[in-house]
Amino acid sequence: MNTVVTSKENILKKSQEFVMEHGIAAINMRSVAKACGVAVGSIYSYFPSKTALLQEIVGEIWKDIFQMQFVADETYLFSSYIEWLYQAIANGNQKYHGFLKLHAICFVQETEKEDGKQAMYAYWQHLQAKIKTILEKDTMVLENAFDQNMTKEQFIEMIFLLLITMVQQEQGDCKALLEMISRCIYQ
């Protein structure tokens, strides 16, 4: 039997462990209560719905995936960050059994779909904002790389979508993506 868990933090920690073992699709109030060794009502006292619980779990998993910070060299190459980001997300996706693909599905299936979708997009917007910061610090980017036909924001959104798709498809690496970035902004 599991040790009784009585705090929100401990519930989230046990939930993360549960996701590592069973995947995020297996999360529900009963499974979390069982993993924590408490009654279902105890989980509801911290999380009013499954969607609220999922939002918190997903946030904790994203924090875990990105606990290791990107260390930029003196040139702050955007492509180096994308390579690091790909590896971090791929490692997290493996650690949490297909988390990236399934977390979107879990949110969309919930009754509070709009809240779940907004939370998912908030995580993704946060990542895209970080990507933009790194891009803007890269002194090697060509001056004319962006214009009204392809803005920085459009470029980042395309790179992000390709990156997420490659992780979901479990590509072995992101060399093709890095080559495309190089041809677009460095050459």
N, C-alpha and C. Protein backbone atom coordinates (compact mmCIF):
# COMPACT_ATOMS: atom_id res chain seq x y z
N MET A 1 0.85 -1.19 0.00
CA MET A 1 0.00 0.00 0.00
C MET A 1 0.88 1.24 0.00
N ASN A 2 0.46 2.26 -0.71
CA ASN A 2 1.20 3.51 -0.79
C ASN A 2 1.09 4.29 0.52
N THR A 3 2.07 5.14 0.75
CA THR A 3 2.03 6.03 1.89
C THR A 3 0.93 7.07 1.63
N VAL A 4 0.19 7.42 2.64
CA VAL A 4 -0.88 8.40 2.50
C VAL A 4 -0.28 9.75 2.14
N VAL A 5 -0.86 10.37 1.14
CA VAL A 5 -0.41 11.67 0.66
C VAL A 5 -1.47 12.70 1.04
N THR A 6 -1.07 13.79 1.66
CA THR A 6 -2.07 14.75 2.13
C THR A 6 -1.85 16.17 1.65
N SER A 7 -0.89 16.42 0.79
CA SER A 7 -0.70 17.79 0.30
C SER A 7 -0.82 17.81 -1.22
N LYS A 8 -1.13 18.97 -1.73
CA LYS A 8 -1.25 19.14 -3.18
C LYS A 8 0.06 18.79 -3.87
N GLU A 9 1.17 19.22 -3.30
CA GLU A 9 2.48 18.95 -3.88
C GLU A 9 2.76 17.45 -3.95
N ASN A 10 2.42 16.74 -2.88
CA ASN A 10 2.64 15.30 -2.88
C ASN A 10 1.71 14.58 -3.86
N ILE A 11 0.49 15.07 -3.98
CA ILE A 11 -0.43 14.49 -4.97
C ILE A 11 0.14 14.66 -6.36
N LEU A 12 0.66 15.84 -6.65
CA LEU A 12 1.25 16.08 -7.98
C LEU A 12 2.49 15.22 -8.21
N LYS A 13 3.30 15.05 -7.17
CA LYS A 13 4.49 14.20 -7.29
C LYS A 13 4.09 12.76 -7.57
N LYS A 14 3.13 12.22 -6.83
CA LYS A 14 2.65 10.86 -7.05
C LYS A 14 2.01 10.74 -8.44
N SER A 15 1.33 11.79 -8.88
CA SER A 15 0.70 11.79 -10.20
C SER A 15 1.76 11.71 -11.30
N GLN A 16 2.84 12.46 -11.13
CA GLN A 16 3.94 12.39 -12.10
C GLN A 16 4.51 10.98 -12.17
N GLU A 17 4.72 10.38 -11.02
CA GLU A 17 5.23 9.01 -10.99
C GLU A 17 4.25 8.06 -11.68
N PHE A 18 2.96 8.28 -11.46
CA PHE A 18 1.92 7.47 -12.10
C PHE A 18 1.99 7.61 -13.62
N VAL A 19 2.16 8.86 -14.10
CA VAL A 19 2.25 9.11 -15.54
C VAL A 19 3.48 8.42 -16.12
N MET A 20 4.60 8.45 -15.41
CA MET A 20 5.81 7.78 -15.89
C MET A 20 5.56 6.28 -16.07
N GLU A 21 4.79 5.71 -15.18
CA GLU A 21 4.55 4.27 -15.22
C GLU A 21 3.41 3.87 -16.17
N HIS A 22 2.34 4.66 -16.18
CA HIS A 22 1.13 4.26 -16.91
C HIS A 22 0.77 5.17 -18.08
N GLY A 23 1.37 6.34 -18.18
CA GLY A 23 1.01 7.31 -19.21
C GLY A 23 -0.07 8.25 -18.74
N ILE A 24 -0.14 9.41 -19.36
CA ILE A 24 -1.08 10.44 -18.92
C ILE A 24 -2.53 10.07 -19.22
N ALA A 25 -2.75 9.25 -20.23
CA ALA A 25 -4.13 8.85 -20.58
C ALA A 25 -4.78 8.04 -19.45
N ALA A 26 -3.97 7.45 -18.58
CA ALA A 26 -4.51 6.63 -17.49
C ALA A 26 -4.90 7.46 -16.26
N ILE A 27 -4.64 8.76 -16.31
CA ILE A 27 -4.94 9.63 -15.17
C ILE A 27 -6.44 9.85 -15.06
N ASN A 28 -6.95 9.62 -13.87
CA ASN A 28 -8.30 10.03 -13.50
C ASN A 28 -8.29 10.20 -11.98
N MET A 29 -9.35 10.70 -11.44
CA MET A 29 -9.39 10.99 -10.00
C MET A 29 -9.18 9.72 -9.17
N ARG A 30 -9.79 8.63 -9.60
CA ARG A 30 -9.66 7.37 -8.85
C ARG A 30 -8.24 6.82 -8.91
N SER A 31 -7.62 6.86 -10.10
CA SER A 31 -6.27 6.31 -10.22
C SER A 31 -5.28 7.12 -9.39
N VAL A 32 -5.46 8.42 -9.35
CA VAL A 32 -4.58 9.28 -8.56
C VAL A 32 -4.81 9.02 -7.07
N ALA A 33 -6.07 8.91 -6.68
CA ALA A 33 -6.37 8.62 -5.27
C ALA A 33 -5.75 7.30 -4.85
N LYS A 34 -5.87 6.30 -5.69
CA LYS A 34 -5.29 4.99 -5.38
C LYS A 34 -3.77 5.08 -5.27
N ALA A 35 -3.13 5.78 -6.21
CA ALA A 35 -1.67 5.94 -6.19
C ALA A 35 -1.21 6.69 -4.94
N CYS A 36 -2.05 7.58 -4.45
CA CYS A 36 -1.72 8.38 -3.27
C CYS A 36 -2.13 7.71 -1.97
N GLY A 37 -2.94 6.67 -2.07
CA GLY A 37 -3.41 5.99 -0.87
C GLY A 37 -4.43 6.80 -0.08
N VAL A 38 -5.25 7.57 -0.80
CA VAL A 38 -6.27 8.39 -0.14
C VAL A 38 -7.62 8.16 -0.82
N ALA A 39 -8.67 8.67 -0.21
CA ALA A 39 -10.00 8.60 -0.80
C ALA A 39 -10.10 9.59 -1.95
N VAL A 40 -10.97 9.29 -2.90
CA VAL A 40 -11.18 10.16 -4.06
C VAL A 40 -11.54 11.58 -3.62
N GLY A 41 -12.33 11.69 -2.56
CA GLY A 41 -12.71 13.00 -2.04
C GLY A 41 -11.52 13.85 -1.65
N SER A 42 -10.46 13.23 -1.20
CA SER A 42 -9.25 13.97 -0.84
C SER A 42 -8.64 14.64 -2.07
N ILE A 43 -8.68 13.96 -3.19
CA ILE A 43 -8.15 14.54 -4.43
C ILE A 43 -9.02 15.72 -4.85
N TYR A 44 -10.36 15.54 -4.74
CA TYR A 44 -11.28 16.62 -5.09
C TYR A 44 -11.12 17.84 -4.18
N SER A 45 -10.62 17.66 -2.98
CA SER A 45 -10.44 18.82 -2.11
C SER A 45 -9.31 19.73 -2.61
N TYR A 46 -8.41 19.19 -3.41
CA TYR A 46 -7.32 19.99 -4.00
C TYR A 46 -7.59 20.36 -5.45
N PHE A 47 -8.32 19.50 -6.16
CA PHE A 47 -8.57 19.68 -7.59
C PHE A 47 -10.06 19.48 -7.85
N PRO A 48 -10.77 20.52 -8.27
CA PRO A 48 -12.23 20.43 -8.43
C PRO A 48 -12.68 19.55 -9.60
N SER A 49 -11.77 19.23 -10.52
CA SER A 49 -12.14 18.42 -11.68
C SER A 49 -10.91 17.69 -12.22
N LYS A 50 -11.16 16.75 -13.08
CA LYS A 50 -10.06 16.04 -13.73
C LYS A 50 -9.23 17.01 -14.58
N THR A 51 -9.91 17.94 -15.25
CA THR A 51 -9.18 18.91 -16.07
C THR A 51 -8.24 19.75 -15.21
N ALA A 52 -8.71 20.19 -14.05
CA ALA A 52 -7.85 20.97 -13.15
C ALA A 52 -6.64 20.14 -12.71
N LEU A 53 -6.89 18.88 -12.41
CA LEU A 53 -5.79 17.98 -12.04
C LEU A 53 -4.82 17.82 -13.20
N LEU A 54 -5.35 17.56 -14.40
CA LEU A 54 -4.49 17.40 -15.58
C LEU A 54 -3.66 18.65 -15.85
N GLN A 55 -4.27 19.82 -15.72
CA GLN A 55 -3.54 21.06 -15.95
C GLN A 55 -2.33 21.16 -15.03
N GLU A 56 -2.53 20.85 -13.78
CA GLU A 56 -1.45 20.91 -12.80
C GLU A 56 -0.38 19.86 -13.09
N ILE A 57 -0.82 18.64 -13.43
CA ILE A 57 0.13 17.57 -13.74
C ILE A 57 0.96 17.94 -14.97
N VAL A 58 0.29 18.40 -16.01
CA VAL A 58 1.00 18.78 -17.24
C VAL A 58 2.01 19.89 -16.95
N GLY A 59 1.62 20.86 -16.15
CA GLY A 59 2.56 21.93 -15.77
C GLY A 59 3.78 21.38 -15.06
N GLU A 60 3.56 20.45 -14.15
CA GLU A 60 4.68 19.84 -13.42
C GLU A 60 5.58 19.01 -14.34
N ILE A 61 4.96 18.33 -15.29
CA ILE A 61 5.75 17.54 -16.24
C ILE A 61 6.58 18.45 -17.13
N TRP A 62 5.98 19.54 -17.63
CA TRP A 62 6.76 20.49 -18.44
C TRP A 62 7.92 21.05 -17.62
N LYS A 63 7.68 21.37 -16.36
CA LYS A 63 8.77 21.86 -15.50
C LYS A 63 9.87 20.82 -15.39
N ASP A 64 9.49 19.56 -15.22
CA ASP A 64 10.47 18.49 -15.12
C ASP A 64 11.25 18.35 -16.43
N ILE A 65 10.55 18.41 -17.55
CA ILE A 65 11.22 18.28 -18.85
C ILE A 65 12.25 19.39 -19.03
N PHE A 66 11.94 20.59 -18.58
CA PHE A 66 12.84 21.72 -18.78
C PHE A 66 13.61 22.12 -17.54
N GLN A 67 13.76 21.19 -16.58
CA GLN A 67 14.50 21.52 -15.36
C GLN A 67 15.95 21.86 -15.66
N MET A 68 16.51 21.22 -16.68
CA MET A 68 17.88 21.53 -17.08
C MET A 68 17.82 22.75 -18.00
N GLN A 69 18.47 23.79 -17.63
CA GLN A 69 18.43 25.02 -18.41
C GLN A 69 19.39 24.95 -19.59
N PHE A 70 19.00 25.59 -20.68
CA PHE A 70 19.86 25.71 -21.85
C PHE A 70 21.01 26.64 -21.50
N VAL A 71 22.22 26.19 -21.78
CA VAL A 71 23.40 27.00 -21.54
C VAL A 71 23.90 27.48 -22.90
N ALA A 72 23.74 28.77 -23.13
CA ALA A 72 24.14 29.34 -24.42
C ALA A 72 25.63 29.63 -24.42
N ASP A 73 26.23 29.38 -25.56
CA ASP A 73 27.63 29.79 -25.70
C ASP A 73 27.63 31.29 -26.00
N GLU A 74 28.80 31.84 -26.19
CA GLU A 74 28.88 33.30 -26.38
C GLU A 74 28.20 33.76 -27.66
N THR A 75 27.97 32.87 -28.64
CA THR A 75 27.32 33.29 -29.88
C THR A 75 25.80 33.17 -29.82
N TYR A 76 25.26 32.46 -28.85
CA TYR A 76 23.80 32.32 -28.68
C TYR A 76 23.13 31.84 -29.95
N LEU A 77 23.60 30.76 -30.53
CA LEU A 77 23.03 30.26 -31.77
C LEU A 77 21.62 29.69 -31.56
N PHE A 78 20.70 30.21 -32.34
CA PHE A 78 19.32 29.75 -32.32
C PHE A 78 19.24 28.27 -32.63
N SER A 79 20.01 27.82 -33.61
CA SER A 79 19.97 26.40 -34.00
C SER A 79 20.44 25.50 -32.85
N SER A 80 21.38 25.95 -32.04
CA SER A 80 21.82 25.15 -30.89
C SER A 80 20.69 25.01 -29.88
N TYR A 81 19.93 26.08 -29.69
CA TYR A 81 18.80 26.03 -28.77
C TYR A 81 17.73 25.07 -29.28
N ILE A 82 17.44 25.11 -30.57
CA ILE A 82 16.43 24.22 -31.14
C ILE A 82 16.87 22.77 -30.99
N GLU A 83 18.14 22.50 -31.19
CA GLU A 83 18.65 21.14 -31.02
C GLU A 83 18.49 20.69 -29.56
N TRP A 84 18.83 21.58 -28.61
CA TRP A 84 18.66 21.28 -27.19
C TRP A 84 17.19 21.07 -26.86
N LEU A 85 16.33 21.94 -27.38
CA LEU A 85 14.90 21.87 -27.10
C LEU A 85 14.32 20.55 -27.63
N TYR A 86 14.71 20.18 -28.84
CA TYR A 86 14.24 18.92 -29.40
C TYR A 86 14.61 17.76 -28.47
N GLN A 87 15.86 17.74 -28.03
CA GLN A 87 16.32 16.64 -27.18
C GLN A 87 15.60 16.64 -25.84
N ALA A 88 15.40 17.81 -25.26
CA ALA A 88 14.70 17.90 -23.97
C ALA A 88 13.27 17.39 -24.09
N ILE A 89 12.57 17.81 -25.12
CA ILE A 89 11.18 17.38 -25.31
C ILE A 89 11.13 15.89 -25.65
N ALA A 90 12.04 15.42 -26.49
CA ALA A 90 12.07 14.00 -26.85
C ALA A 90 12.35 13.14 -25.62
N ASN A 91 13.29 13.56 -24.78
CA ASN A 91 13.59 12.82 -23.56
C ASN A 91 12.39 12.80 -22.61
N GLY A 92 11.73 13.93 -22.47
CA GLY A 92 10.54 14.01 -21.63
C GLY A 92 9.40 13.17 -22.18
N ASN A 93 9.25 13.18 -23.49
CA ASN A 93 8.21 12.39 -24.14
C ASN A 93 8.44 10.90 -23.90
N GLN A 94 9.70 10.50 -23.89
CA GLN A 94 10.03 9.10 -23.62
C GLN A 94 9.84 8.78 -22.13
N LYS A 95 10.31 9.66 -21.28
CA LYS A 95 10.20 9.45 -19.83
C LYS A 95 8.74 9.34 -19.41
N TYR A 96 7.88 10.14 -20.02
CA TYR A 96 6.47 10.18 -19.66
C TYR A 96 5.58 9.49 -20.71
N HIS A 97 6.09 8.47 -21.35
CA HIS A 97 5.33 7.57 -22.25
C HIS A 97 4.42 8.31 -23.24
N GLY A 98 4.99 8.99 -24.20
CA GLY A 98 4.19 9.64 -25.22
C GLY A 98 3.39 10.83 -24.72
N PHE A 99 3.89 11.48 -23.70
CA PHE A 99 3.22 12.60 -23.04
C PHE A 99 2.78 13.68 -24.03
N LEU A 100 3.65 14.04 -24.94
CA LEU A 100 3.38 15.17 -25.83
C LEU A 100 2.11 14.95 -26.65
N LYS A 101 1.98 13.80 -27.24
CA LYS A 101 0.80 13.51 -28.06
C LYS A 101 -0.44 13.35 -27.18
N LEU A 102 -0.28 12.65 -26.09
CA LEU A 102 -1.44 12.30 -25.27
C LEU A 102 -1.95 13.45 -24.42
N HIS A 103 -1.09 14.41 -24.04
CA HIS A 103 -1.61 15.47 -23.18
C HIS A 103 -2.61 16.33 -23.92
N ALA A 104 -2.41 16.54 -25.20
CA ALA A 104 -3.38 17.30 -25.99
C ALA A 104 -4.70 16.53 -26.08
N ILE A 105 -4.62 15.24 -26.33
CA ILE A 105 -5.82 14.41 -26.43
C ILE A 105 -6.59 14.39 -25.11
N CYS A 106 -5.87 14.25 -24.00
CA CYS A 106 -6.53 14.22 -22.69
C CYS A 106 -7.30 15.51 -22.43
N PHE A 107 -6.73 16.65 -22.77
CA PHE A 107 -7.42 17.91 -22.54
C PHE A 107 -8.65 18.03 -23.43
N VAL A 108 -8.52 17.64 -24.68
CA VAL A 108 -9.62 17.79 -25.62
C VAL A 108 -10.79 16.89 -25.25
N GLN A 109 -10.54 15.75 -24.64
CA GLN A 109 -11.61 14.82 -24.29
C GLN A 109 -12.36 15.23 -23.03
N GLU A 110 -11.84 16.13 -22.27
CA GLU A 110 -12.48 16.52 -21.01
C GLU A 110 -13.71 17.38 -21.25
N THR A 111 -14.61 17.39 -20.28
CA THR A 111 -15.83 18.18 -20.40
C THR A 111 -15.53 19.68 -20.38
N GLU A 112 -14.50 20.06 -19.67
CA GLU A 112 -14.10 21.47 -19.66
C GLU A 112 -13.07 21.69 -20.76
N LYS A 113 -13.43 21.34 -22.00
CA LYS A 113 -12.50 21.34 -23.12
C LYS A 113 -11.80 22.68 -23.30
N GLU A 114 -12.54 23.75 -23.20
CA GLU A 114 -11.97 25.06 -23.48
C GLU A 114 -10.86 25.40 -22.48
N ASP A 115 -11.09 25.13 -21.20
CA ASP A 115 -10.05 25.38 -20.19
C ASP A 115 -8.81 24.54 -20.47
N GLY A 116 -9.02 23.29 -20.82
CA GLY A 116 -7.91 22.40 -21.11
C GLY A 116 -7.12 22.85 -22.32
N LYS A 117 -7.82 23.22 -23.38
CA LYS A 117 -7.14 23.70 -24.59
C LYS A 117 -6.37 24.98 -24.30
N GLN A 118 -6.97 25.87 -23.53
CA GLN A 118 -6.28 27.12 -23.19
C GLN A 118 -5.01 26.86 -22.39
N ALA A 119 -5.07 25.91 -21.48
CA ALA A 119 -3.88 25.57 -20.70
C ALA A 119 -2.80 25.00 -21.60
N MET A 120 -3.17 24.11 -22.51
CA MET A 120 -2.21 23.51 -23.42
C MET A 120 -1.55 24.59 -24.28
N TYR A 121 -2.36 25.48 -24.84
CA TYR A 121 -1.82 26.54 -25.67
C TYR A 121 -0.96 27.51 -24.86
N ALA A 122 -1.28 27.71 -23.61
CA ALA A 122 -0.46 28.57 -22.75
C ALA A 122 0.94 27.98 -22.58
N TYR A 123 1.04 26.66 -22.40
CA TYR A 123 2.35 26.02 -22.30
C TYR A 123 3.12 26.21 -23.60
N TRP A 124 2.43 26.03 -24.71
CA TRP A 124 3.08 26.14 -26.00
C TRP A 124 3.49 27.59 -26.31
N GLN A 125 2.66 28.55 -25.92
CA GLN A 125 3.01 29.96 -26.13
C GLN A 125 4.23 30.35 -25.30
N HIS A 126 4.31 29.80 -24.10
CA HIS A 126 5.47 30.06 -23.25
C HIS A 126 6.74 29.55 -23.94
N LEU A 127 6.68 28.36 -24.50
CA LEU A 127 7.84 27.82 -25.21
C LEU A 127 8.19 28.67 -26.42
N GLN A 128 7.18 29.10 -27.16
CA GLN A 128 7.44 29.92 -28.34
C GLN A 128 8.04 31.28 -27.95
N ALA A 129 7.63 31.84 -26.84
CA ALA A 129 8.21 33.10 -26.37
C ALA A 129 9.70 32.92 -26.05
N LYS A 130 10.04 31.80 -25.44
CA LYS A 130 11.44 31.51 -25.14
C LYS A 130 12.24 31.34 -26.43
N ILE A 131 11.65 30.65 -27.40
CA ILE A 131 12.31 30.46 -28.69
C ILE A 131 12.57 31.82 -29.34
N LYS A 132 11.60 32.72 -29.27
CA LYS A 132 11.77 34.06 -29.87
C LYS A 132 12.89 34.82 -29.18
N THR A 133 12.97 34.71 -27.87
CA THR A 133 14.04 35.39 -27.13
C THR A 133 15.41 34.92 -27.60
N ILE A 134 15.56 33.62 -27.76
CA ILE A 134 16.84 33.07 -28.22
C ILE A 134 17.12 33.53 -29.64
N LEU A 135 16.12 33.50 -30.51
CA LEU A 135 16.30 33.95 -31.90
C LEU A 135 16.78 35.40 -31.93
N GLU A 136 16.20 36.25 -31.11
CA GLU A 136 16.56 37.66 -31.11
C GLU A 136 17.95 37.91 -30.55
N LYS A 137 18.48 36.99 -29.76
CA LYS A 137 19.83 37.14 -29.22
C LYS A 137 20.91 36.58 -30.15
N ASP A 138 20.49 35.86 -31.17
CA ASP A 138 21.43 35.23 -32.10
C ASP A 138 21.98 36.29 -33.06
N THR A 139 23.24 36.64 -32.87
CA THR A 139 23.88 37.68 -33.69
C THR A 139 24.27 37.18 -35.08
N MET A 140 24.15 35.89 -35.33
CA MET A 140 24.53 35.32 -36.62
C MET A 140 23.38 35.33 -37.63
N VAL A 141 22.18 35.66 -37.18
CA VAL A 141 21.02 35.68 -38.08
C VAL A 141 21.20 36.80 -39.11
N LEU A 142 20.95 36.48 -40.36
CA LEU A 142 21.05 37.47 -41.43
C LEU A 142 20.10 38.63 -41.17
N GLU A 143 20.53 39.83 -41.51
CA GLU A 143 19.69 41.01 -41.30
C GLU A 143 18.39 40.95 -42.08
N ASN A 144 18.44 40.38 -43.28
CA ASN A 144 17.25 40.32 -44.14
C ASN A 144 16.53 38.98 -44.06
N ALA A 145 16.75 38.23 -43.00
CA ALA A 145 16.12 36.91 -42.87
C ALA A 145 14.60 37.01 -42.72
N PHE A 146 14.13 38.11 -42.16
CA PHE A 146 12.69 38.25 -41.91
C PHE A 146 12.16 39.52 -42.56
N ASP A 147 10.95 39.42 -43.07
CA ASP A 147 10.26 40.57 -43.65
C ASP A 147 8.76 40.32 -43.53
N GLN A 148 7.95 41.09 -44.27
CA GLN A 148 6.50 40.92 -44.16
C GLN A 148 6.03 39.58 -44.71
N ASN A 149 6.81 38.93 -45.57
CA ASN A 149 6.44 37.62 -46.11
C ASN A 149 6.72 36.48 -45.14
N MET A 150 7.70 36.67 -44.26
CA MET A 150 7.99 35.70 -43.21
C MET A 150 8.54 36.47 -42.00
N THR A 151 7.66 36.69 -41.05
CA THR A 151 8.06 37.40 -39.84
C THR A 151 8.74 36.42 -38.88
N LYS A 152 9.37 36.98 -37.86
CA LYS A 152 9.98 36.14 -36.82
C LYS A 152 8.93 35.24 -36.17
N GLU A 153 7.78 35.80 -35.91
CA GLU A 153 6.70 35.05 -35.26
C GLU A 153 6.24 33.88 -36.13
N GLN A 154 6.09 34.12 -37.43
CA GLN A 154 5.69 33.04 -38.34
C GLN A 154 6.77 31.96 -38.42
N PHE A 155 8.00 32.38 -38.49
CA PHE A 155 9.13 31.44 -38.53
C PHE A 155 9.16 30.58 -37.27
N ILE A 156 9.01 31.23 -36.13
CA ILE A 156 9.04 30.50 -34.85
C ILE A 156 7.87 29.52 -34.78
N GLU A 157 6.70 29.93 -35.20
CA GLU A 157 5.54 29.04 -35.16
C GLU A 157 5.77 27.81 -36.05
N MET A 158 6.34 28.03 -37.25
CA MET A 158 6.63 26.90 -38.14
C MET A 158 7.68 25.97 -37.53
N ILE A 159 8.74 26.54 -36.99
CA ILE A 159 9.79 25.73 -36.37
C ILE A 159 9.21 24.95 -35.20
N PHE A 160 8.42 25.59 -34.38
CA PHE A 160 7.83 24.94 -33.22
C PHE A 160 6.93 23.79 -33.64
N LEU A 161 6.07 24.01 -34.62
CA LEU A 161 5.17 22.95 -35.08
C LEU A 161 5.95 21.78 -35.67
N LEU A 162 6.99 22.07 -36.43
CA LEU A 162 7.82 21.00 -36.97
C LEU A 162 8.53 20.24 -35.85
N LEU A 163 9.03 20.96 -34.88
CA LEU A 163 9.71 20.34 -33.75
C LEU A 163 8.77 19.41 -32.98
N ILE A 164 7.59 19.89 -32.67
CA ILE A 164 6.61 19.08 -31.95
C ILE A 164 6.21 17.85 -32.76
N THR A 165 6.00 18.03 -34.06
CA THR A 165 5.63 16.92 -34.93
C THR A 165 6.75 15.88 -34.98
N MET A 166 7.99 16.34 -35.08
CA MET A 166 9.12 15.41 -35.13
C MET A 166 9.24 14.61 -33.83
N VAL A 167 9.01 15.24 -32.70
CA VAL A 167 9.05 14.52 -31.42
C VAL A 167 7.91 13.52 -31.36
N GLN A 168 6.71 13.93 -31.76
CA GLN A 168 5.57 13.02 -31.74
C GLN A 168 5.80 11.81 -32.64
N GLN A 169 6.47 12.02 -33.76
CA GLN A 169 6.76 10.92 -34.68
C GLN A 169 8.01 10.14 -34.28
N GLU A 170 8.60 10.56 -33.17
CA GLU A 170 9.78 9.92 -32.61
C GLU A 170 10.93 9.82 -33.60
N GLN A 171 11.18 10.95 -34.27
CA GLN A 171 12.34 11.04 -35.15
C GLN A 171 13.60 10.86 -34.30
N GLY A 172 14.61 10.27 -34.85
CA GLY A 172 15.83 10.03 -34.09
C GLY A 172 16.60 11.29 -33.76
N ASP A 173 16.50 12.28 -34.61
CA ASP A 173 17.19 13.55 -34.40
C ASP A 173 16.46 14.64 -35.17
N CYS A 174 17.00 15.83 -35.08
CA CYS A 174 16.36 16.95 -35.78
C CYS A 174 17.31 17.59 -36.79
N LYS A 175 18.21 16.80 -37.36
CA LYS A 175 19.20 17.34 -38.31
C LYS A 175 18.56 18.05 -39.50
N ALA A 176 17.51 17.49 -40.06
CA ALA A 176 16.85 18.12 -41.21
C ALA A 176 16.27 19.48 -40.81
N LEU A 177 15.69 19.56 -39.64
CA LEU A 177 15.15 20.83 -39.15
C LEU A 177 16.28 21.84 -38.95
N LEU A 178 17.38 21.41 -38.40
CA LEU A 178 18.53 22.31 -38.19
C LEU A 178 19.09 22.80 -39.52
N GLU A 179 19.11 21.93 -40.50
CA GLU A 179 19.59 22.33 -41.85
C GLU A 179 18.64 23.36 -42.46
N MET A 180 17.35 23.15 -42.30
CA MET A 180 16.38 24.11 -42.82
C MET A 180 16.55 25.47 -42.13
N ILE A 181 16.74 25.46 -40.81
CA ILE A 181 16.97 26.71 -40.09
C ILE A 181 18.21 27.40 -40.62
N SER A 182 19.28 26.64 -40.77
CA SER A 182 20.54 27.21 -41.27
C SER A 182 20.35 27.86 -42.62
N ARG A 183 19.65 27.19 -43.53
CA ARG A 183 19.45 27.74 -44.87
C ARG A 183 18.55 28.97 -44.87
N CYS A 184 17.65 29.04 -43.90
CA CYS A 184 16.72 30.18 -43.84
C CYS A 184 17.32 31.42 -43.18
N ILE A 185 18.07 31.26 -42.12
CA ILE A 185 18.47 32.45 -41.36
C ILE A 185 19.98 32.71 -41.28
N TYR A 186 20.80 31.73 -41.71
CA TYR A 186 22.25 31.94 -41.59
C TYR A 186 22.97 32.10 -42.93
N GLN A 187 22.41 31.56 -44.01
CA GLN A 187 23.16 31.58 -45.27
C GLN A 187 22.72 32.68 -46.17
